Amino acid sequence: MKRIICQFRAGSSMRHPFPIALLLILVAGVGARASLRPQYGGTLRVQMSQRVVAMDPRRWPLSSVEAAAAERVDALVFDRLLRFDDRGMLRPALAISWQHDALAKRWQFRIRDGAKFSDGTPLTPEMAALALQQILGNDFDVSATSDSVVIQAGRSLPNFPEQLATGRYFIFHTATDGSLSGTGPFLVADWPAADAPGKASFVANESCWAGRPFVDRVEVVMGVDSQKQANAIALGQADVVEVPAAQVRRAAQRGVRTASSDPVELFALVFDSTRPAVQDQRIRQAISLTIDRASIADVVLQRQGVPAGGLLPNWLSGYAFLFPASSDLPRAKKLLAATGREVSHPAPLALVYDSGDAEARAAAERVAVNLRVVGITVQVSEQIAGDTAKSSVADARLVRLPITEPDPATALAVLLTSLGEANAAPETLEQTYAAERAPIDAFRVIPLVHASESYGLGPQVRDWMAPRWGGWRLEDVWLAPAPAAGGTTP
């Protein structure tokens, strides 16, 4: 923004200098503010690598990566009872207040007046209760009063509001034809058939209770690999694309604007401790002590990640520094010697990774290089998502899990479930820490790094203010006017 400074000397021959100077300043200020003021209109073009099969909270993916993608897309159309603000604090959404009994088994959420589904149907407590009952299942008794939804659980749920503010817990209305409508900022204009290219279109919900979004339309192309996304943003064919951690610096060097979250993805090794090669805990501990996590963060992820000793990143838990993340080769060799066996004989350790994840492959190969130093041979191979046969013959899996909740207890519960670990639903920070320590101390899970989530933004994209823990908030995004020929975008 240019600043205009007017100076006047005593005895100047200029007539009426003050009014003219004031006019110049006011005009300049108005022009500058106009260039920065959010504007309505335009189509926001988004690309993503994952495919979302259906926009239906009742059909939630089992894979945590696929679930995170479904959550981003579903949030365009549906709202939850509660939401998290920019600081990770709970705020009202479709529920304006909530309370619980002394045991935190019975929760009551007062429903907002005046909200409507995109098909024009008014939101009522009965409709919200029906939607939540279908998602929560028979373990919960969901009912409605004149102004509230009441949820009764069989056990204490002190973190229940945090749970309902994330994941699949969207409120929806089912029409007579089976289609779903929501109260969110957009409504579905076009959804791809199962055998068609994955392009979905959404239009602004003019009657959204929270206000109309700025853009008129959002087009989301799904199933696009990272290289094609990089080309699309560089050529101006997309406005928002995913940028893998290893490509963030390269994208910036090509002149692409990038935005990154705090570290919100966990790379970890998960062992099948029933397999002979890794049945001895000392072997798994030796593997943990051998891995150079810093090289994965700095080389594989190009410094878009941090070494991880715990499951939760430190910005979320505040105690991640208590989990050691450094290597100790002498101790690792002593542990291996104490086992009295050679792990690389007769067969190498079998490590699998997601076949569609280039960064997971690079991290797995780096782990194999590290373990070769202490005499452990690793056979790295890809695994197609859902291929349980290959999982059954693997000694270890390299997993990549998103952390989409800003509440430590809720985030840990989701991670433990994804890792196949017991989830005791911790209530306090001390219990959360103890629950996190259990699989790590037993070396059933070895955290490697926490990586950031990054996006490339087109030159016209304004107010990209995604939550620090990742994801989208496209209702706040607006598009600046395209620059005139030979000009630049303000």
Foldseek 3Di string as FASTA:
>chain_A
DDDDDDDDDPPDPDPPVPVVVVVVRVVVVVVVVVLVDFAFEDEAEEEEAAFQQDQDLLPADPAQVNQQVSQQVNQQFWAFQWAADLVQDIAGDQFHDKDADPFQQKIKTFGDPPFAWLVGHGDFLQQLQVLQCSNVDDQWDWDGDRGIIMIGHPHHALCVVLLRRDTSNTRWDQDPVGDITHLHQWDWPDADDPPDFGKTKIAGRCSRPVHHFRYGMYIYGYNDDQVVQLVCQLVVNHFKYWHQLQCPVVSVVSVWDKDWFQQFKWKKKFFPLVDPLNVDLLLLVLLQQQAALVCLCCPLRVVQWFWFQFDDDCVQLVCRVVGDRHHDNVSSLVSVVVVVDQSPPPHAAEEEEAPSDPSLQVSVVSSQVRVVVSRGHYDYDYDHPPPVVVVVPHRMYTDMHGQDHSHLLSSLQVVCVSSVHDRPSDDDSVSSVVSRVVCSVSSSMGIRIGGITMMTGHQQWPDFDARSSDHGDNSHIHGRDDDDVVDGRD
